Amino acid sequence: MTSSLEIRKILFLSTAHLDPDSGQQANPQWASMTSEYGFLVYVGTNWELREAPECVQRAAEVARRNGCEYICFDRDADIIDELETWEW
């Protein structure tokens, strides 16, 4: 019996790409695995993120375009020019 590894791509983005409300209170309807450093978002489809803030939806579009299934918003991750940033 051969087992195979399941490998998925994750886009790491700075929490600076989240507006202050989204960054300080990740909603369990669209975010998972939260910590004091950030949280994980399954990008799925627009339908699955319909409750997510616009900043998360825009980041999800970037992730999907780059073949990623998840975004890890982390306070130590990089900022990209393509997405708006906030200081909070």
PDB file of N, CA and C in Angstrom:
ATOM      1  N   MET A   1       0.844  -1.177   0.000  1.00  0.00           N
ATOM      2  CA  MET A   1       0.000   0.000   0.000  1.00  0.00           C
ATOM      3  C   MET A   1       0.891   1.242   0.000  1.00  0.00           C
ATOM      4  N   THR A   2       0.658   2.107  -0.936  1.00  0.00           N
ATOM      5  CA  THR A   2       1.453   3.315  -1.062  1.00  0.00           C
ATOM      6  C   THR A   2       0.685   4.494  -0.484  1.00  0.00           C
ATOM      7  N   SER A   3       1.338   5.222   0.391  1.00  0.00           N
ATOM      8  CA  SER A   3       0.703   6.432   0.917  1.00  0.00           C
ATOM      9  C   SER A   3       1.297   7.633   0.193  1.00  0.00           C
ATOM     10  N   SER A   4       0.492   8.642   0.025  1.00  0.00           N
ATOM     11  CA  SER A   4       0.978   9.845  -0.641  1.00  0.00           C
ATOM     12  C   SER A   4       0.855  11.025   0.304  1.00  0.00           C
ATOM     13  N   LEU A   5       1.708  11.970   0.092  1.00  0.00           N
ATOM     14  CA  LEU A   5       1.691  13.171   0.910  1.00  0.00           C
ATOM     15  C   LEU A   5       0.696  14.169   0.335  1.00  0.00           C
ATOM     16  N   GLU A   6      -0.053  14.800   1.193  1.00  0.00           N
ATOM     17  CA  GLU A   6      -0.959  15.857   0.766  1.00  0.00           C
ATOM     18  C   GLU A   6      -0.257  17.189   1.041  1.00  0.00           C
ATOM     19  N   ILE A   7       0.011  17.914  -0.016  1.00  0.00           N
ATOM     20  CA  ILE A   7       0.750  19.167   0.098  1.00  0.00           C
ATOM     21  C   ILE A   7      -0.117  20.300  -0.438  1.00  0.00           C
ATOM     22  N   ARG A   8      -0.182  21.390   0.313  1.00  0.00           N
ATOM     23  CA  ARG A   8      -0.984  22.552  -0.082  1.00  0.00           C
ATOM     24  C   ARG A   8      -0.120  23.804  -0.012  1.00  0.00           C
ATOM     25  N   LYS A   9      -0.476  24.796  -0.855  1.00  0.00           N
ATOM     26  CA  LYS A   9       0.267  26.052  -0.876  1.00  0.00           C
ATOM     27  C   LYS A   9      -0.415  27.080   0.024  1.00  0.00           C
ATOM     28  N   ILE A  10       0.421  27.817   0.760  1.00  0.00           N
ATOM     29  CA  ILE A  10      -0.054  28.859   1.664  1.00  0.00           C
ATOM     30  C   ILE A  10       0.654  30.171   1.311  1.00  0.00           C
ATOM     31  N   LEU A  11      -0.111  31.236   1.185  1.00  0.00           N
ATOM     32  CA  LEU A  11       0.446  32.566   0.985  1.00  0.00           C
ATOM     33  C   LEU A  11       0.575  33.214   2.355  1.00  0.00           C
ATOM     34  N   PHE A  12       1.767  33.645   2.694  1.00  0.00           N
ATOM     35  CA  PHE A  12       2.001  34.340   3.953  1.00  0.00           C
ATOM     36  C   PHE A  12       1.956  35.836   3.697  1.00  0.00           C
ATOM     37  N   LEU A  13       1.080  36.529   4.417  1.00  0.00           N
ATOM     38  CA  LEU A  13       0.926  37.976   4.278  1.00  0.00           C
ATOM     39  C   LEU A  13       0.963  38.634   5.650  1.00  0.00           C
ATOM     40  N   SER A  14       1.448  39.850   5.674  1.00  0.00           N
ATOM     41  CA  SER A  14       1.471  40.630   6.905  1.00  0.00           C
ATOM     42  C   SER A  14       0.055  40.957   7.364  1.00  0.00           C
ATOM     43  N   THR A  15      -0.129  40.991   8.672  1.00  0.00           N
ATOM     44  CA  THR A  15      -1.415  41.427   9.212  1.00  0.00           C
ATOM     45  C   THR A  15      -1.658  42.909   8.919  1.00  0.00           C
ATOM     46  N   ALA A  16      -0.664  43.618   8.443  1.00  0.00           N
ATOM     47  CA  ALA A  16      -0.836  45.020   8.029  1.00  0.00           C
ATOM     48  C   ALA A  16      -1.813  45.124   6.856  1.00  0.00           C
ATOM     49  N   HIS A  17      -2.044  44.028   6.146  1.00  0.00           N
ATOM     50  CA  HIS A  17      -3.001  44.020   5.037  1.00  0.00           C
ATOM     51  C   HIS A  17      -4.446  43.886   5.518  1.00  0.00           C
ATOM     52  N   LEU A  18      -4.635  43.817   6.816  1.00  0.00           N
ATOM     53  CA  LEU A  18      -5.977  43.721   7.393  1.00  0.00           C
ATOM     54  C   LEU A  18      -6.365  45.063   7.983  1.00  0.00           C
ATOM     55  N   ASP A  19      -7.605  45.482   7.742  1.00  0.00           N
ATOM     56  CA  ASP A  19      -8.048  46.719   8.377  1.00  0.00           C
ATOM     57  C   ASP A  19      -8.088  46.488   9.887  1.00  0.00           C
ATOM     58  N   PRO A  20      -8.065  47.545  10.687  1.00  0.00           N
ATOM     59  CA  PRO A  20      -7.966  47.379  12.145  1.00  0.00           C
ATOM     60  C   PRO A  20      -9.043  46.481  12.750  1.00  0.00           C
ATOM     61  N   ASP A  21     -10.271  46.564  12.269  1.00  0.00           N
ATOM     62  CA  ASP A  21     -11.330  45.709  12.829  1.00  0.00           C
ATOM     63  C   ASP A  21     -11.079  44.240  12.528  1.00  0.00           C
ATOM     64  N   SER A  22     -10.665  43.936  11.309  1.00  0.00           N
ATOM     65  CA  SER A  22     -10.427  42.544  10.907  1.00  0.00           C
ATOM     66  C   SER A  22      -9.202  41.965  11.583  1.00  0.00           C
ATOM     67  N   GLY A  23      -8.177  42.773  11.731  1.00  0.00           N
ATOM     68  CA  GLY A  23      -6.932  42.284  12.292  1.00  0.00           C
ATOM     69  C   GLY A  23      -6.989  41.999  13.770  1.00  0.00           C
ATOM     70  N   GLN A  24      -7.835  42.738  14.473  1.00  0.00           N
ATOM     71  CA  GLN A  24      -7.884  42.574  15.916  1.00  0.00           C
ATOM     72  C   GLN A  24      -8.924  41.562  16.367  1.00  0.00           C
ATOM     73  N   GLN A  25      -9.881  41.250  15.490  1.00  0.00           N
ATOM     74  CA  GLN A  25     -10.907  40.271  15.847  1.00  0.00           C
ATOM     75  C   GLN A  25     -11.222  39.392  14.651  1.00  0.00           C
ATOM     76  N   ALA A  26     -10.452  38.351  14.457  1.00  0.00           N
ATOM     77  CA  ALA A  26     -10.702  37.408  13.369  1.00  0.00           C
ATOM     78  C   ALA A  26     -11.993  36.662  13.659  1.00  0.00           C
ATOM     79  N   ASN A  27     -12.868  36.631  12.697  1.00  0.00           N
ATOM     80  CA  ASN A  27     -14.164  35.988  12.848  1.00  0.00           C
ATOM     81  C   ASN A  27     -14.044  34.503  12.505  1.00  0.00           C
ATOM     82  N   PRO A  28     -14.518  33.617  13.373  1.00  0.00           N
ATOM     83  CA  PRO A  28     -14.417  32.179  13.088  1.00  0.00           C
ATOM     84  C   PRO A  28     -15.197  31.727  11.853  1.00  0.00           C
ATOM     85  N   GLN A  29     -16.085  32.589  11.322  1.00  0.00           N
ATOM     86  CA  GLN A  29     -16.795  32.237  10.092  1.00  0.00           C
ATOM     87  C   GLN A  29     -15.858  32.216   8.894  1.00  0.00           C
ATOM     88  N   TRP A  30     -14.751  32.955   8.960  1.00  0.00           N
ATOM     89  CA  TRP A  30     -13.831  32.985   7.823  1.00  0.00           C
ATOM     90  C   TRP A  30     -12.372  32.779   8.216  1.00  0.00           C
ATOM     91  N   ALA A  31     -12.065  32.754   9.482  1.00  0.00           N
ATOM     92  CA  ALA A  31     -10.676  32.563   9.932  1.00  0.00           C
ATOM     93  C   ALA A  31     -10.586  31.360  10.853  1.00  0.00           C
ATOM     94  N   SER A  32      -9.423  30.732  10.850  1.00  0.00           N
ATOM     95  CA  SER A  32      -9.218  29.596  11.749  1.00  0.00           C
ATOM     96  C   SER A  32      -7.803  29.642  12.296  1.00  0.00           C
ATOM     97  N   MET A  33      -7.561  28.803  13.260  1.00  0.00           N
ATOM     98  CA  MET A  33      -6.227  28.680  13.849  1.00  0.00           C
ATOM     99  C   MET A  33      -5.648  30.039  14.217  1.00  0.00           C
ATOM    100  N   THR A  34      -6.330  30.762  15.068  1.00  0.00           N
ATOM    101  CA  THR A  34      -5.877  32.090  15.473  1.00  0.00           C
ATOM    102  C   THR A  34      -4.846  31.995  16.593  1.00  0.00           C
ATOM    103  N   SER A  35      -3.983  32.980  16.625  1.00  0.00           N
ATOM    104  CA  SER A  35      -3.009  33.118  17.701  1.00  0.00           C
ATOM    105  C   SER A  35      -2.743  34.605  17.886  1.00  0.00           C
ATOM    106  N   GLU A  36      -1.884  34.942  18.821  1.00  0.00           N
ATOM    107  CA  GLU A  36      -1.552  36.353  19.025  1.00  0.00           C
ATOM    108  C   GLU A  36      -0.750  36.924  17.852  1.00  0.00           C
ATOM    109  N   TYR A  37      -0.232  36.071  16.996  1.00  0.00           N
ATOM    110  CA  TYR A  37       0.597  36.509  15.871  1.00  0.00           C
ATOM    111  C   TYR A  37      -0.182  36.641  14.564  1.00  0.00           C
ATOM    112  N   GLY A  38      -1.356  36.029  14.471  1.00  0.00           N
ATOM    113  CA  GLY A  38      -2.123  36.072  13.242  1.00  0.00           C
ATOM    114  C   GLY A  38      -3.112  34.925  13.164  1.00  0.00           C
ATOM    115  N   PHE A  39      -3.506  34.586  11.930  1.00  0.00           N
ATOM    116  CA  PHE A  39      -4.476  33.507  11.751  1.00  0.00           C
ATOM    117  C   PHE A  39      -4.442  32.986  10.324  1.00  0.00           C
ATOM    118  N   LEU A  40      -5.107  31.863  10.132  1.00  0.00           N
ATOM    119  CA  LEU A  40      -5.142  31.166   8.848  1.00  0.00           C
ATOM    120  C   LEU A  40      -6.524  31.329   8.227  1.00  0.00           C
ATOM    121  N   VAL A  41      -6.559  31.542   6.902  1.00  0.00           N
ATOM    122  CA  VAL A  41      -7.812  31.675   6.175  1.00  0.00           C
ATOM    123  C   VAL A  41      -7.795  30.716   4.987  1.00  0.00           C
ATOM    124  N   TYR A  42      -8.831  29.899   4.871  1.00  0.00           N
ATOM    125  CA  TYR A  42      -9.006  29.055   3.686  1.00  0.00           C
ATOM    126  C   TYR A  42      -9.638  29.926   2.622  1.00  0.00           C
ATOM    127  N   VAL A  43      -8.991  30.068   1.463  1.00  0.00           N
ATOM    128  CA  VAL A  43      -9.494  31.009   0.459  1.00  0.00           C
ATOM    129  C   VAL A  43     -10.658  30.450  -0.333  1.00  0.00           C
ATOM    130  N   GLY A  44     -10.758  29.146  -0.504  1.00  0.00           N
ATOM    131  CA  GLY A  44     -11.912  28.525  -1.141  1.00  0.00           C
ATOM    132  C   GLY A  44     -12.474  29.325  -2.298  1.00  0.00           C
ATOM    133  N   THR A  45     -13.737  29.708  -2.165  1.00  0.00           N
ATOM    134  CA  THR A  45     -14.411  30.483  -3.204  1.00  0.00           C
ATOM    135  C   THR A  45     -14.922  31.789  -2.603  1.00  0.00           C
ATOM    136  N   ASN A  46     -15.361  32.677  -3.478  1.00  0.00           N
ATOM    137  CA  ASN A  46     -15.949  33.925  -2.992  1.00  0.00           C
ATOM    138  C   ASN A  46     -17.150  33.642  -2.094  1.00  0.00           C
ATOM    139  N   TRP A  47     -17.907  32.598  -2.410  1.00  0.00           N
ATOM    140  CA  TRP A  47     -19.073  32.251  -1.614  1.00  0.00           C
ATOM    141  C   TRP A  47     -18.669  31.910  -0.184  1.00  0.00           C
ATOM    142  N   GLU A  48     -17.588  31.154  -0.040  1.00  0.00           N
ATOM    143  CA  GLU A  48     -17.147  30.756   1.299  1.00  0.00           C
ATOM    144  C   GLU A  48     -16.636  31.942   2.111  1.00  0.00           C
ATOM    145  N   LEU A  49     -16.189  32.978   1.432  1.00  0.00           N
ATOM    146  CA  LEU A  49     -15.671  34.164   2.122  1.00  0.00           C
ATOM    147  C   LEU A  49     -16.657  35.332   2.081  1.00  0.00           C
ATOM    148  N   ARG A  50     -17.918  35.048   1.812  1.00  0.00           N
ATOM    149  CA  ARG A  50     -18.898  36.129   1.657  1.00  0.00           C
ATOM    150  C   ARG A  50     -19.044  36.963   2.931  1.00  0.00           C
ATOM    151  N   GLU A  51     -18.759  36.393   4.096  1.00  0.00           N
ATOM    152  CA  GLU A  51     -18.851  37.119   5.364  1.00  0.00           C
ATOM    153  C   GLU A  51     -17.548  37.811   5.732  1.00  0.00           C
ATOM    154  N   ALA A  52     -16.496  37.535   4.986  1.00  0.00           N
ATOM    155  CA  ALA A  52     -15.179  38.111   5.297  1.00  0.00           C
ATOM    156  C   ALA A  52     -15.117  39.571   4.871  1.00  0.00           C
ATOM    157  N   PRO A  53     -14.312  40.361   5.562  1.00  0.00           N
ATOM    158  CA  PRO A  53     -14.140  41.764   5.172  1.00  0.00           C
ATOM    159  C   PRO A  53     -13.513  41.880   3.778  1.00  0.00           C
ATOM    160  N   GLU A  54     -13.708  43.028   3.173  1.00  0.00           N
ATOM    161  CA  GLU A  54     -13.200  43.259   1.820  1.00  0.00           C
ATOM    162  C   GLU A  54     -11.680  43.067   1.735  1.00  0.00           C
ATOM    163  N   CYS A  55     -10.942  43.459   2.764  1.00  0.00           N
ATOM    164  CA  CYS A  55      -9.486  43.312   2.723  1.00  0.00           C
ATOM    165  C   CYS A  55      -9.087  41.839   2.646  1.00  0.00           C
ATOM    166  N   VAL A  56      -9.835  40.962   3.305  1.00  0.00           N
ATOM    167  CA  VAL A  56      -9.561  39.521   3.260  1.00  0.00           C
ATOM    168  C   VAL A  56      -9.939  38.970   1.889  1.00  0.00           C
ATOM    169  N   GLN A  57     -11.046  39.428   1.343  1.00  0.00           N
ATOM    170  CA  GLN A  57     -11.469  38.974   0.023  1.00  0.00           C
ATOM    171  C   GLN A  57     -10.451  39.363  -1.051  1.00  0.00           C
ATOM    172  N   ARG A  58      -9.900  40.570  -0.964  1.00  0.00           N
ATOM    173  CA  ARG A  58      -8.876  40.981  -1.939  1.00  0.00           C
ATOM    174  C   ARG A  58      -7.612  40.135  -1.793  1.00  0.00           C
ATOM    175  N   ALA A  59      -7.224  39.844  -0.560  1.00  0.00           N
ATOM    176  CA  ALA A  59      -6.053  38.994  -0.332  1.00  0.00           C
ATOM    177  C   ALA A  59      -6.308  37.585  -0.865  1.00  0.00           C
ATOM    178  N   ALA A  60      -7.541  37.093  -0.721  1.00  0.00           N
ATOM    179  CA  ALA A  60      -7.893  35.763  -1.225  1.00  0.00           C
ATOM    180  C   ALA A  60      -7.759  35.705  -2.742  1.00  0.00           C
ATOM    181  N   GLU A  61      -8.119  36.778  -3.425  1.00  0.00           N
ATOM    182  CA  GLU A  61      -7.956  36.824  -4.880  1.00  0.00           C
ATOM    183  C   GLU A  61      -6.489  36.681  -5.267  1.00  0.00           C
ATOM    184  N   VAL A  62      -5.608  37.356  -4.536  1.00  0.00           N
ATOM    185  CA  VAL A  62      -4.166  37.245  -4.795  1.00  0.00           C
ATOM    186  C   VAL A  62      -3.705  35.813  -4.556  1.00  0.00           C
ATOM    187  N   ALA A  63      -4.172  35.215  -3.465  1.00  0.00           N
ATOM    188  CA  ALA A  63      -3.786  33.838  -3.141  1.00  0.00           C
ATOM    189  C   ALA A  63      -4.241  32.872  -4.236  1.00  0.00           C
ATOM    190  N   ARG A  64      -5.491  32.980  -4.646  1.00  0.00           N
ATOM    191  CA  ARG A  64      -6.012  32.084  -5.693  1.00  0.00           C
ATOM    192  C   ARG A  64      -5.227  32.238  -6.997  1.00  0.00           C
ATOM    193  N   ARG A  65      -4.938  33.484  -7.366  1.00  0.00           N
ATOM    194  CA  ARG A  65      -4.176  33.733  -8.608  1.00  0.00           C
ATOM    195  C   ARG A  65      -2.804  33.075  -8.574  1.00  0.00           C
ATOM    196  N   ASN A  66      -2.289  32.879  -7.373  1.00  0.00           N
ATOM    197  CA  ASN A  66      -0.963  32.284  -7.209  1.00  0.00           C
ATOM    198  C   ASN A  66      -1.021  30.818  -6.801  1.00  0.00           C
ATOM    199  N   GLY A  67      -2.192  30.200  -6.978  1.00  0.00           N
ATOM    200  CA  GLY A  67      -2.335  28.768  -6.732  1.00  0.00           C
ATOM    201  C   GLY A  67      -2.328  28.367  -5.272  1.00  0.00           C
ATOM    202  N   CYS A  68      -2.647  29.298  -4.377  1.00  0.00           N
ATOM    203  CA  CYS A  68      -2.657  28.995  -2.943  1.00  0.00           C
ATOM    204  C   CYS A  68      -4.074  28.697  -2.466  1.00  0.00           C
ATOM    205  N   GLU A  69      -4.176  27.792  -1.509  1.00  0.00           N
ATOM    206  CA  GLU A  69      -5.462  27.448  -0.925  1.00  0.00           C
ATOM    207  C   GLU A  69      -5.699  28.150   0.403  1.00  0.00           C
ATOM    208  N   TYR A  70      -4.646  28.649   1.001  1.00  0.00           N
ATOM    209  CA  TYR A  70      -4.736  29.289   2.308  1.00  0.00           C
ATOM    210  C   TYR A  70      -3.923  30.572   2.327  1.00  0.00           C
ATOM    211  N   ILE A  71      -4.305  31.454   3.256  1.00  0.00           N
ATOM    212  CA  ILE A  71      -3.495  32.629   3.587  1.00  0.00           C
ATOM    213  C   ILE A  71      -3.187  32.531   5.068  1.00  0.00           C
ATOM    214  N   CYS A  72      -1.942  32.733   5.398  1.00  0.00           N
ATOM    215  CA  CYS A  72      -1.547  32.870   6.792  1.00  0.00           C
ATOM    216  C   CYS A  72      -1.232  34.351   7.000  1.00  0.00           C
ATOM    217  N   PHE A  73      -2.136  35.050   7.690  1.00  0.00           N
ATOM    218  CA  PHE A  73      -1.868  36.434   8.052  1.00  0.00           C
ATOM    219  C   PHE A  73      -1.021  36.394   9.314  1.00  0.00           C
ATOM    220  N   ASP A  74       0.189  36.909   9.219  1.00  0.00           N
ATOM    221  CA  ASP A  74       1.148  36.842  10.319  1.00  0.00           C
ATOM    222  C   ASP A  74       1.772  38.221  10.502  1.00  0.00           C
ATOM    223  N   ARG A  75       1.915  38.641  11.729  1.00  0.00           N
ATOM    224  CA  ARG A  75       2.461  39.981  11.974  1.00  0.00           C
ATOM    225  C   ARG A  75       3.895  40.127  11.480  1.00  0.00           C
ATOM    226  N   ASP A  76       4.617  39.025  11.307  1.00  0.00           N
ATOM    227  CA  ASP A  76       6.006  39.086  10.854  1.00  0.00           C
ATOM    228  C   ASP A  76       6.181  38.786   9.369  1.00  0.00           C
ATOM    229  N   ALA A  77       5.091  38.525   8.660  1.00  0.00           N
ATOM    230  CA  ALA A  77       5.181  38.213   7.222  1.00  0.00           C
ATOM    231  C   ALA A  77       5.363  39.504   6.422  1.00  0.00           C
ATOM    232  N   ASP A  78       5.674  39.333   5.146  1.00  0.00           N
ATOM    233  CA  ASP A  78       5.953  40.473   4.271  1.00  0.00           C
ATOM    234  C   ASP A  78       4.693  41.227   3.869  1.00  0.00           C
ATOM    235  N   ILE A  79       4.896  42.498   3.561  1.00  0.00           N
ATOM    236  CA  ILE A  79       3.876  43.360   2.971  1.00  0.00           C
ATOM    237  C   ILE A  79       4.103  43.334   1.465  1.00  0.00           C
ATOM    238  N   ILE A  80       3.011  43.251   0.695  1.00  0.00           N
ATOM    239  CA  ILE A  80       3.139  43.284  -0.758  1.00  0.00           C
ATOM    240  C   ILE A  80       2.489  44.561  -1.285  1.00  0.00           C
ATOM    241  N   ASP A  81       3.015  45.068  -2.394  1.00  0.00           N
ATOM    242  CA  ASP A  81       2.529  46.323  -2.963  1.00  0.00           C
ATOM    243  C   ASP A  81       1.111  46.225  -3.492  1.00  0.00           C
ATOM    244  N   GLU A  82       0.690  45.057  -3.862  1.00  0.00           N
ATOM    245  CA  GLU A  82      -0.606  44.853  -4.520  1.00  0.00           C
ATOM    246  C   GLU A  82      -1.806  45.087  -3.597  1.00  0.00           C
ATOM    247  N   LEU A  83      -1.587  44.988  -2.287  1.00  0.00           N
ATOM    248  CA  LEU A  83      -2.687  45.104  -1.337  1.00  0.00           C
ATOM    249  C   LEU A  83      -2.505  46.337  -0.435  1.00  0.00           C
ATOM    250  N   GLU A  84      -3.626  46.925  -0.059  1.00  0.00           N
ATOM    251  CA  GLU A  84      -3.629  48.073   0.838  1.00  0.00           C
ATOM    252  C   GLU A  84      -3.113  47.651   2.215  1.00  0.00           C
ATOM    253  N   THR A  85      -2.553  48.607   2.932  1.00  0.00           N
ATOM    254  CA  THR A  85      -2.074  48.335   4.296  1.00  0.00           C
ATOM    255  C   THR A  85      -2.670  49.350   5.267  1.00  0.00           C
ATOM    256  N   TRP A  86      -2.707  48.934   6.528  1.00  0.00           N
ATOM    257  CA  TRP A  86      -3.173  49.796   7.614  1.00  0.00           C
ATOM    258  C   TRP A  86      -2.176  49.703   8.749  1.00  0.00           C
ATOM    259  N   GLU A  87      -2.090  50.784   9.524  1.00  0.00           N
ATOM    260  CA  GLU A  87      -1.294  50.766  10.769  1.00  0.00           C
ATOM    261  C   GLU A  87      -2.278  50.716  11.920  1.00  0.00           C
ATOM    262  N   TRP A  88      -2.127  49.729  12.770  1.00  0.00           N
ATOM    263  CA  TRP A  88      -3.006  49.603  13.931  1.00  0.00           C
ATOM    264  C   TRP A  88      -2.295  49.001  15.107  1.00  0.00           C
TER     265      TRP A  88
END
